[in-house]
Structures are given as structure tokens and as C-alpha cells.
Amino acid sequence: MTDAAAPVPAADRHFEDYVTGLTETLGPIAMTEAAIIAFAQRYDPQAIHTDPAGAAAGPFAGLIASGWHTVCVVMRELVQGYLAGSASLASPGVDELRWLKPVRPGDSLHVRVAVIEAKRSRSKPDRGLVRTSIEAINQRGEVVMSMIAMNLIRCRDGGAAATHSP
């Protein structure tokens, strides 16, 4: 699902399309018990993520998804519905990653993205840096995860606008 605020479909976007204030909602993402356990068994084998019976007696009173699982499913939504494969170059990192509430089996997550800042690179004018606020929100409207992502995005004009000033 994409909000009307998007100027062009994600697959066709370039740096110029990520304007400050652009907001979209992606998803839904179904968080199943089987997926939560499978991810955790492979990458985060703590009982709160892998053992429903043990987790019931734990600090969250039930099985919860690994925070890293939540980040991974959010990343998939970003790749499929927000970042253009042809123009997305890399990410120098994320800031302020927070796991605010547990994600449980049966939860349905949506991802809200909002462009905070878009700055063209001075040293490499064929690209720009886009800073995006990202929130994963459950079916109750609770923000369960948040972060600020940085992405290097190729410019549509190949840097011509930055190199040809009047």
C-alpha cells in the first residue's frame, strides 16, 4: 500500500523524488509464530524467541519476535516499496534504532516512512543522501520499532544539475 503523497512509484524513483515530508505506509507484514521461531533459531536463539512454553514464564509473558527479525521484515518492505532498485546505491547506516514494544505471533505490522532530509552530495553530484524516519506499527497503532535510515540514492540527471549552474 502506498500513500498518494508519493510522486512516482518506488521502482522509478531517483534522489529528486525523495522530497522532505514525503510519507508512505507499507505492509502489512504478518508475524507468525513459525516465522518468529525459525528466525530466532537461526539468528537469535534466546528462549523468549524460540520456546513458547519457556517464554510464557519469562519477562514478556509469551513468545516475542527478535528485534533483529523485526528490522529484517521492515527492510524487506523498504526494498520492495520505498527504495528504487536501480537508484538505491548503499546505506552508510542507521541511527536511533529502538525496539519500543514486543512483537508477538499474530501481530500485523505496517511500516511508516517519512523523508526527513534529502541532500545532494557535493563530492559526488550523481547521488544524494536521504534520511528517513521509519516506524513499524502493529495492528493496535502502537509503534513497536523506530529508526532513522540513511540511503545513498542516484540522481536522475546524473549530477548534471549540480555541475551546470547559471
N, C-alpha and C. Protein backbone atom coordinates (compact mmCIF):
# COMPACT_ATOMS: atom_id res chain seq x y z
N MET A 1 0.86 -1.16 0.00
CA MET A 1 0.00 0.00 0.00
C MET A 1 0.90 1.22 0.00
N THR A 2 0.60 2.21 -0.80
CA THR A 2 1.39 3.43 -0.90
C THR A 2 0.47 4.64 -0.80
N ASP A 3 0.86 5.63 -0.03
CA ASP A 3 0.06 6.84 0.12
C ASP A 3 0.13 7.68 -1.14
N ALA A 4 -0.85 8.53 -1.34
CA ALA A 4 -0.92 9.38 -2.53
C ALA A 4 0.22 10.40 -2.57
N ALA A 5 0.93 10.59 -1.46
CA ALA A 5 1.99 11.58 -1.41
C ALA A 5 3.19 11.20 -2.27
N ALA A 6 3.31 9.95 -2.66
CA ALA A 6 4.46 9.51 -3.45
C ALA A 6 4.37 10.08 -4.87
N PRO A 7 5.42 10.77 -5.34
CA PRO A 7 5.38 11.39 -6.67
C PRO A 7 5.45 10.38 -7.81
N VAL A 8 6.20 9.33 -7.63
CA VAL A 8 6.34 8.28 -8.64
C VAL A 8 6.43 6.94 -7.93
N PRO A 9 6.13 5.85 -8.62
CA PRO A 9 6.27 4.52 -7.99
C PRO A 9 7.71 4.28 -7.53
N ALA A 10 7.87 3.51 -6.48
CA ALA A 10 9.19 3.26 -5.91
C ALA A 10 10.19 2.74 -6.94
N ALA A 11 9.75 1.88 -7.82
CA ALA A 11 10.66 1.29 -8.81
C ALA A 11 11.28 2.33 -9.75
N ASP A 12 10.62 3.47 -9.91
CA ASP A 12 11.10 4.51 -10.83
C ASP A 12 11.75 5.70 -10.13
N ARG A 13 11.90 5.65 -8.83
CA ARG A 13 12.39 6.81 -8.09
C ARG A 13 13.89 7.00 -8.20
N HIS A 14 14.25 8.27 -8.12
CA HIS A 14 15.64 8.71 -8.02
C HIS A 14 15.71 9.72 -6.88
N PHE A 15 16.89 10.20 -6.61
CA PHE A 15 17.09 11.13 -5.50
C PHE A 15 16.08 12.29 -5.52
N GLU A 16 15.83 12.85 -6.69
CA GLU A 16 14.95 14.02 -6.80
C GLU A 16 13.52 13.73 -6.32
N ASP A 17 13.13 12.47 -6.26
CA ASP A 17 11.77 12.10 -5.87
C ASP A 17 11.59 11.97 -4.35
N TYR A 18 12.70 11.92 -3.62
CA TYR A 18 12.63 11.78 -2.16
C TYR A 18 12.68 13.18 -1.55
N VAL A 19 11.54 13.84 -1.54
CA VAL A 19 11.47 15.21 -1.03
C VAL A 19 11.11 15.19 0.46
N THR A 20 11.66 16.14 1.17
CA THR A 20 11.39 16.25 2.59
C THR A 20 9.88 16.30 2.82
N GLY A 21 9.40 15.48 3.73
CA GLY A 21 7.98 15.43 4.03
C GLY A 21 7.24 14.29 3.35
N LEU A 22 7.84 13.69 2.31
CA LEU A 22 7.20 12.54 1.65
C LEU A 22 6.95 11.46 2.71
N THR A 23 5.71 11.01 2.80
CA THR A 23 5.35 9.99 3.79
C THR A 23 4.58 8.88 3.09
N GLU A 24 4.92 7.64 3.44
CA GLU A 24 4.25 6.47 2.88
C GLU A 24 4.03 5.43 3.96
N THR A 25 3.06 4.56 3.72
CA THR A 25 2.81 3.42 4.60
C THR A 25 2.91 2.16 3.76
N LEU A 26 3.68 1.21 4.25
CA LEU A 26 3.92 -0.06 3.55
C LEU A 26 3.42 -1.21 4.41
N GLY A 27 3.15 -2.34 3.79
CA GLY A 27 2.72 -3.52 4.53
C GLY A 27 1.36 -3.93 4.06
N PRO A 28 0.72 -4.85 4.74
CA PRO A 28 1.03 -5.36 6.08
C PRO A 28 2.04 -6.52 6.04
N ILE A 29 2.63 -6.77 7.21
CA ILE A 29 3.55 -7.87 7.43
C ILE A 29 2.95 -8.75 8.51
N ALA A 30 2.67 -10.00 8.18
CA ALA A 30 2.12 -10.94 9.16
C ALA A 30 3.27 -11.59 9.93
N MET A 31 3.23 -11.48 11.24
CA MET A 31 4.26 -12.07 12.09
C MET A 31 3.70 -13.38 12.68
N THR A 32 4.12 -14.49 12.13
CA THR A 32 3.61 -15.79 12.58
C THR A 32 4.55 -16.40 13.61
N GLU A 33 3.99 -17.27 14.44
CA GLU A 33 4.81 -17.96 15.42
C GLU A 33 5.91 -18.77 14.74
N ALA A 34 5.56 -19.47 13.67
CA ALA A 34 6.55 -20.30 12.97
C ALA A 34 7.71 -19.44 12.44
N ALA A 35 7.41 -18.29 11.86
CA ALA A 35 8.46 -17.42 11.32
C ALA A 35 9.32 -16.84 12.44
N ILE A 36 8.68 -16.46 13.54
CA ILE A 36 9.41 -15.90 14.69
C ILE A 36 10.40 -16.93 15.22
N ILE A 37 9.93 -18.16 15.42
CA ILE A 37 10.79 -19.22 15.95
C ILE A 37 11.90 -19.58 14.96
N ALA A 38 11.56 -19.71 13.68
CA ALA A 38 12.57 -20.08 12.67
C ALA A 38 13.68 -19.03 12.59
N PHE A 39 13.32 -17.76 12.56
CA PHE A 39 14.33 -16.70 12.52
C PHE A 39 15.22 -16.79 13.76
N ALA A 40 14.60 -16.88 14.92
CA ALA A 40 15.35 -16.88 16.17
C ALA A 40 16.24 -18.11 16.31
N GLN A 41 15.76 -19.26 15.88
CA GLN A 41 16.60 -20.46 15.97
C GLN A 41 17.89 -20.28 15.17
N ARG A 42 17.79 -19.57 14.08
CA ARG A 42 18.96 -19.37 13.23
C ARG A 42 19.83 -18.19 13.67
N TYR A 43 19.21 -17.08 14.11
CA TYR A 43 19.98 -15.86 14.33
C TYR A 43 19.97 -15.29 15.75
N ASP A 44 19.00 -15.62 16.56
CA ASP A 44 18.89 -15.03 17.90
C ASP A 44 18.27 -16.06 18.85
N PRO A 45 18.99 -17.15 19.13
CA PRO A 45 18.42 -18.30 19.83
C PRO A 45 18.24 -18.11 21.34
N GLN A 46 17.46 -17.12 21.69
CA GLN A 46 17.10 -16.91 23.09
C GLN A 46 15.71 -17.51 23.31
N ALA A 47 15.47 -18.05 24.51
CA ALA A 47 14.21 -18.73 24.81
C ALA A 47 12.99 -17.84 24.59
N ILE A 48 13.11 -16.54 24.82
CA ILE A 48 11.95 -15.65 24.63
C ILE A 48 11.51 -15.58 23.17
N HIS A 49 12.41 -16.04 22.26
CA HIS A 49 12.11 -16.05 20.83
C HIS A 49 11.89 -17.45 20.26
N THR A 50 12.34 -18.49 20.97
CA THR A 50 12.33 -19.84 20.40
C THR A 50 11.47 -20.85 21.14
N ASP A 51 11.11 -20.58 22.39
CA ASP A 51 10.43 -21.57 23.23
C ASP A 51 9.12 -21.00 23.79
N PRO A 52 7.99 -21.26 23.14
CA PRO A 52 6.73 -20.69 23.60
C PRO A 52 6.42 -21.00 25.07
N ALA A 53 6.66 -22.21 25.51
CA ALA A 53 6.37 -22.57 26.91
C ALA A 53 7.29 -21.83 27.86
N GLY A 54 8.57 -21.82 27.57
CA GLY A 54 9.52 -21.10 28.42
C GLY A 54 9.26 -19.60 28.40
N ALA A 55 8.92 -19.07 27.23
CA ALA A 55 8.67 -17.64 27.10
C ALA A 55 7.43 -17.22 27.90
N ALA A 56 6.48 -18.12 28.04
CA ALA A 56 5.26 -17.81 28.82
C ALA A 56 5.60 -17.46 30.26
N ALA A 57 6.66 -18.05 30.78
CA ALA A 57 7.08 -17.78 32.16
C ALA A 57 8.12 -16.66 32.24
N GLY A 58 8.48 -16.10 31.09
CA GLY A 58 9.53 -15.09 31.04
C GLY A 58 9.03 -13.67 31.23
N PRO A 59 9.91 -12.72 31.02
CA PRO A 59 9.60 -11.32 31.30
C PRO A 59 8.52 -10.71 30.41
N PHE A 60 8.24 -11.31 29.26
CA PHE A 60 7.22 -10.78 28.35
C PHE A 60 5.93 -11.60 28.37
N ALA A 61 5.89 -12.60 29.24
CA ALA A 61 4.70 -13.45 29.40
C ALA A 61 4.24 -14.07 28.08
N GLY A 62 5.20 -14.42 27.23
CA GLY A 62 4.88 -15.06 25.98
C GLY A 62 5.99 -14.87 24.97
N LEU A 63 5.88 -15.60 23.89
CA LEU A 63 6.86 -15.55 22.81
C LEU A 63 6.86 -14.18 22.14
N ILE A 64 8.04 -13.66 21.86
CA ILE A 64 8.16 -12.40 21.12
C ILE A 64 9.19 -12.57 20.01
N ALA A 65 9.04 -11.76 18.97
CA ALA A 65 10.00 -11.76 17.86
C ALA A 65 11.29 -11.10 18.30
N SER A 66 12.38 -11.59 17.76
CA SER A 66 13.65 -10.90 17.93
C SER A 66 13.54 -9.51 17.32
N GLY A 67 14.14 -8.53 17.94
CA GLY A 67 14.16 -7.20 17.35
C GLY A 67 14.82 -7.21 15.98
N TRP A 68 15.82 -8.08 15.81
CA TRP A 68 16.50 -8.18 14.52
C TRP A 68 15.57 -8.75 13.46
N HIS A 69 14.66 -9.63 13.85
CA HIS A 69 13.66 -10.15 12.91
C HIS A 69 12.76 -8.99 12.45
N THR A 70 12.35 -8.17 13.39
CA THR A 70 11.51 -7.02 13.05
C THR A 70 12.24 -6.10 12.07
N VAL A 71 13.52 -5.82 12.34
CA VAL A 71 14.30 -4.98 11.43
C VAL A 71 14.35 -5.61 10.04
N CYS A 72 14.55 -6.92 9.98
CA CYS A 72 14.67 -7.60 8.67
C CYS A 72 13.38 -7.55 7.87
N VAL A 73 12.23 -7.76 8.51
CA VAL A 73 10.97 -7.72 7.76
C VAL A 73 10.66 -6.29 7.32
N VAL A 74 11.03 -5.31 8.15
CA VAL A 74 10.87 -3.91 7.76
C VAL A 74 11.76 -3.60 6.56
N MET A 75 12.99 -4.10 6.59
CA MET A 75 13.91 -3.86 5.48
C MET A 75 13.35 -4.41 4.17
N ARG A 76 12.74 -5.58 4.23
CA ARG A 76 12.15 -6.16 3.02
C ARG A 76 11.08 -5.23 2.45
N GLU A 77 10.23 -4.68 3.32
CA GLU A 77 9.20 -3.73 2.86
C GLU A 77 9.84 -2.49 2.23
N LEU A 78 10.92 -2.00 2.84
CA LEU A 78 11.60 -0.82 2.30
C LEU A 78 12.15 -1.10 0.90
N VAL A 79 12.76 -2.27 0.73
CA VAL A 79 13.32 -2.63 -0.57
C VAL A 79 12.22 -2.79 -1.60
N GLN A 80 11.12 -3.41 -1.22
CA GLN A 80 10.06 -3.68 -2.18
C GLN A 80 9.15 -2.47 -2.46
N GLY A 81 9.02 -1.54 -1.51
CA GLY A 81 8.05 -0.49 -1.70
C GLY A 81 8.51 0.94 -1.52
N TYR A 82 9.80 1.14 -1.22
CA TYR A 82 10.26 2.50 -0.95
C TYR A 82 11.54 2.85 -1.71
N LEU A 83 12.49 1.95 -1.74
CA LEU A 83 13.76 2.20 -2.40
C LEU A 83 13.73 1.66 -3.83
N ALA A 84 14.20 2.47 -4.76
CA ALA A 84 14.25 2.02 -6.15
C ALA A 84 15.50 1.17 -6.35
N GLY A 85 15.31 -0.03 -6.86
CA GLY A 85 16.43 -0.93 -7.08
C GLY A 85 17.49 -0.35 -8.00
N SER A 86 17.08 0.40 -8.99
CA SER A 86 18.04 0.94 -9.96
C SER A 86 18.77 2.18 -9.44
N ALA A 87 18.22 2.85 -8.45
CA ALA A 87 18.83 4.10 -7.98
C ALA A 87 19.39 4.01 -6.56
N SER A 88 18.98 3.01 -5.80
CA SER A 88 19.48 2.86 -4.44
C SER A 88 20.90 2.29 -4.50
N LEU A 89 21.85 3.04 -3.96
CA LEU A 89 23.26 2.66 -4.08
C LEU A 89 23.79 1.92 -2.85
N ALA A 90 23.48 2.40 -1.67
CA ALA A 90 24.00 1.81 -0.43
C ALA A 90 23.43 2.59 0.75
N SER A 91 23.77 2.11 1.93
CA SER A 91 23.40 2.83 3.14
C SER A 91 24.61 2.93 4.05
N PRO A 92 24.94 4.15 4.47
CA PRO A 92 26.05 4.28 5.42
C PRO A 92 25.65 3.91 6.85
N GLY A 93 24.37 3.60 7.08
CA GLY A 93 23.97 3.15 8.41
C GLY A 93 22.62 3.65 8.84
N VAL A 94 22.28 3.29 10.08
CA VAL A 94 21.04 3.75 10.70
C VAL A 94 21.37 4.39 12.04
N ASP A 95 20.53 5.28 12.46
CA ASP A 95 20.67 5.93 13.77
C ASP A 95 19.41 5.66 14.59
N GLU A 96 19.57 5.72 15.86
CA GLU A 96 18.44 5.71 16.80
C GLU A 96 17.52 4.50 16.65
N LEU A 97 18.09 3.31 16.41
CA LEU A 97 17.28 2.10 16.34
C LEU A 97 16.73 1.79 17.72
N ARG A 98 15.41 1.66 17.80
CA ARG A 98 14.74 1.40 19.08
C ARG A 98 13.69 0.32 18.90
N TRP A 99 13.67 -0.62 19.85
CA TRP A 99 12.60 -1.62 19.93
C TRP A 99 11.73 -1.18 21.09
N LEU A 100 10.56 -0.67 20.79
CA LEU A 100 9.74 0.02 21.78
C LEU A 100 8.71 -0.88 22.46
N LYS A 101 8.21 -1.86 21.74
CA LYS A 101 7.22 -2.79 22.29
C LYS A 101 7.48 -4.16 21.67
N PRO A 102 7.13 -5.22 22.40
CA PRO A 102 7.33 -6.55 21.83
C PRO A 102 6.42 -6.81 20.63
N VAL A 103 6.97 -7.56 19.68
CA VAL A 103 6.20 -8.02 18.52
C VAL A 103 5.87 -9.48 18.80
N ARG A 104 4.59 -9.82 18.71
CA ARG A 104 4.13 -11.15 19.10
C ARG A 104 3.55 -11.91 17.91
N PRO A 105 3.49 -13.24 18.04
CA PRO A 105 2.83 -14.02 16.99
C PRO A 105 1.40 -13.50 16.77
N GLY A 106 1.03 -13.38 15.52
CA GLY A 106 -0.30 -12.87 15.18
C GLY A 106 -0.33 -11.38 14.92
N ASP A 107 0.73 -10.67 15.28
CA ASP A 107 0.77 -9.23 15.01
C ASP A 107 0.84 -8.99 13.50
N SER A 108 0.25 -7.89 13.08
CA SER A 108 0.31 -7.43 11.70
C SER A 108 0.96 -6.05 11.73
N LEU A 109 2.10 -5.93 11.07
CA LEU A 109 2.85 -4.68 11.10
C LEU A 109 2.71 -3.90 9.81
N HIS A 110 2.69 -2.61 9.95
CA HIS A 110 2.81 -1.69 8.81
C HIS A 110 4.06 -0.87 9.05
N VAL A 111 4.62 -0.36 7.99
CA VAL A 111 5.83 0.44 8.07
C VAL A 111 5.51 1.84 7.57
N ARG A 112 5.73 2.82 8.44
CA ARG A 112 5.53 4.22 8.05
C ARG A 112 6.91 4.83 7.83
N VAL A 113 7.10 5.40 6.64
CA VAL A 113 8.36 6.05 6.29
C VAL A 113 8.09 7.51 5.99
N ALA A 114 9.01 8.36 6.42
CA ALA A 114 8.89 9.79 6.14
C ALA A 114 10.28 10.35 5.88
N VAL A 115 10.42 11.05 4.75
CA VAL A 115 11.71 11.66 4.41
C VAL A 115 11.92 12.84 5.35
N ILE A 116 13.03 12.79 6.08
CA ILE A 116 13.40 13.87 7.00
C ILE A 116 14.25 14.91 6.28
N GLU A 117 15.15 14.42 5.42
CA GLU A 117 16.10 15.31 4.77
C GLU A 117 16.63 14.64 3.51
N ALA A 118 16.85 15.43 2.49
CA ALA A 118 17.46 14.94 1.25
C ALA A 118 18.49 15.97 0.80
N LYS A 119 19.75 15.56 0.79
CA LYS A 119 20.84 16.48 0.43
C LYS A 119 21.69 15.85 -0.67
N ARG A 120 21.89 16.61 -1.72
CA ARG A 120 22.75 16.15 -2.81
C ARG A 120 24.20 16.18 -2.34
N SER A 121 24.96 15.20 -2.74
CA SER A 121 26.38 15.14 -2.39
C SER A 121 27.16 16.22 -3.15
N ARG A 122 28.04 16.90 -2.45
CA ARG A 122 28.88 17.89 -3.11
C ARG A 122 30.06 17.22 -3.79
N SER A 123 30.59 16.16 -3.18
CA SER A 123 31.76 15.49 -3.75
C SER A 123 31.40 14.53 -4.87
N LYS A 124 30.18 13.98 -4.84
CA LYS A 124 29.71 13.05 -5.88
C LYS A 124 28.31 13.49 -6.29
N PRO A 125 28.19 14.47 -7.19
CA PRO A 125 26.90 15.07 -7.52
C PRO A 125 25.94 14.16 -8.28
N ASP A 126 26.34 12.93 -8.57
CA ASP A 126 25.43 11.99 -9.22
C ASP A 126 24.54 11.28 -8.22
N ARG A 127 24.66 11.65 -6.93
CA ARG A 127 23.88 10.99 -5.87
C ARG A 127 23.56 11.96 -4.74
N GLY A 128 22.66 11.52 -3.89
CA GLY A 128 22.33 12.30 -2.71
C GLY A 128 22.09 11.38 -1.53
N LEU A 129 22.06 11.97 -0.36
CA LEU A 129 21.80 11.24 0.88
C LEU A 129 20.39 11.55 1.34
N VAL A 130 19.60 10.51 1.54
CA VAL A 130 18.22 10.66 2.01
C VAL A 130 18.15 10.08 3.43
N ARG A 131 17.70 10.90 4.37
CA ARG A 131 17.48 10.45 5.75
C ARG A 131 15.98 10.24 5.93
N THR A 132 15.62 9.05 6.41
CA THR A 132 14.22 8.65 6.52
C THR A 132 13.90 8.18 7.92
N SER A 133 12.80 8.68 8.47
CA SER A 133 12.25 8.16 9.72
C SER A 133 11.44 6.92 9.37
N ILE A 134 11.69 5.83 10.09
CA ILE A 134 11.00 4.57 9.82
C ILE A 134 10.39 4.07 11.12
N GLU A 135 9.11 3.73 11.05
CA GLU A 135 8.41 3.16 12.20
C GLU A 135 7.67 1.91 11.79
N ALA A 136 7.79 0.87 12.61
CA ALA A 136 6.97 -0.33 12.45
C ALA A 136 5.83 -0.19 13.45
N ILE A 137 4.61 -0.36 12.96
CA ILE A 137 3.40 -0.11 13.77
C ILE A 137 2.54 -1.36 13.74
N ASN A 138 2.10 -1.80 14.92
CA ASN A 138 1.26 -3.01 14.97
C ASN A 138 -0.20 -2.68 14.69
N GLN A 139 -1.03 -3.70 14.71
CA GLN A 139 -2.45 -3.56 14.37
C GLN A 139 -3.21 -2.71 15.40
N ARG A 140 -2.62 -2.45 16.55
CA ARG A 140 -3.25 -1.59 17.56
C ARG A 140 -2.79 -0.13 17.43
N GLY A 141 -1.98 0.15 16.42
CA GLY A 141 -1.49 1.51 16.22
C GLY A 141 -0.29 1.84 17.09
N GLU A 142 0.32 0.84 17.72
CA GLU A 142 1.47 1.07 18.60
C GLU A 142 2.76 0.99 17.79
N VAL A 143 3.63 1.95 17.99
CA VAL A 143 4.94 1.91 17.34
C VAL A 143 5.78 0.88 18.10
N VAL A 144 6.21 -0.17 17.40
CA VAL A 144 6.97 -1.24 18.03
C VAL A 144 8.47 -1.12 17.75
N MET A 145 8.84 -0.42 16.70
CA MET A 145 10.24 -0.23 16.35
C MET A 145 10.37 1.09 15.61
N SER A 146 11.49 1.78 15.84
CA SER A 146 11.75 3.01 15.09
C SER A 146 13.24 3.12 14.81
N MET A 147 13.56 3.83 13.75
CA MET A 147 14.95 4.09 13.41
C MET A 147 15.00 5.21 12.38
N ILE A 148 16.19 5.78 12.23
CA ILE A 148 16.46 6.76 11.20
C ILE A 148 17.44 6.10 10.24
N ALA A 149 17.05 5.95 8.98
CA ALA A 149 17.91 5.32 7.98
C ALA A 149 18.52 6.37 7.08
N MET A 150 19.71 6.08 6.60
CA MET A 150 20.38 6.92 5.62
C MET A 150 20.60 6.09 4.37
N ASN A 151 20.24 6.63 3.22
CA ASN A 151 20.42 5.92 1.96
C ASN A 151 21.04 6.82 0.92
N LEU A 152 22.01 6.29 0.21
CA LEU A 152 22.59 6.99 -0.94
C LEU A 152 21.77 6.60 -2.15
N ILE A 153 21.23 7.63 -2.84
CA ILE A 153 20.32 7.42 -3.96
C ILE A 153 20.87 8.15 -5.19
N ARG A 154 20.90 7.45 -6.31
CA ARG A 154 21.38 8.02 -7.58
C ARG A 154 20.42 9.12 -8.07
N CYS A 155 20.99 10.18 -8.60
CA CYS A 155 20.19 11.27 -9.19
C CYS A 155 19.74 10.90 -10.59
N ARG A 156 18.56 11.32 -10.94
CA ARG A 156 18.01 11.07 -12.27
C ARG A 156 18.85 11.76 -13.34
N ASP A 157 19.32 12.98 -13.04
CA ASP A 157 20.05 13.77 -14.03
C ASP A 157 21.54 13.42 -14.06
N GLY A 158 21.97 12.42 -13.29
CA GLY A 158 23.37 12.01 -13.31
C GLY A 158 24.33 13.05 -12.75
N GLY A 159 23.82 14.02 -12.04
CA GLY A 159 24.66 15.06 -11.46
C GLY A 159 24.74 16.32 -12.30
N ALA A 160 24.08 16.33 -13.45
CA ALA A 160 24.16 17.48 -14.36
C ALA A 160 23.64 18.75 -13.70
N ALA A 161 22.57 18.65 -12.91
CA ALA A 161 22.01 19.86 -12.29
C ALA A 161 22.99 20.49 -11.31
N ALA A 162 23.82 19.70 -10.68
CA ALA A 162 24.76 20.24 -9.70
C ALA A 162 26.01 20.79 -10.36
N THR A 163 26.33 20.34 -11.56
CA THR A 163 27.55 20.78 -12.21
C THR A 163 27.35 21.93 -13.21
N HIS A 164 26.11 22.18 -13.61
CA HIS A 164 25.82 23.26 -14.56
C HIS A 164 25.01 24.35 -13.86
N SER A 165 25.71 25.27 -13.23
CA SER A 165 24.98 26.35 -12.58
C SER A 165 24.94 27.56 -13.49
N PRO A 166 23.87 28.34 -13.41
CA PRO A 166 23.70 29.51 -14.30
C PRO A 166 24.68 30.60 -14.04
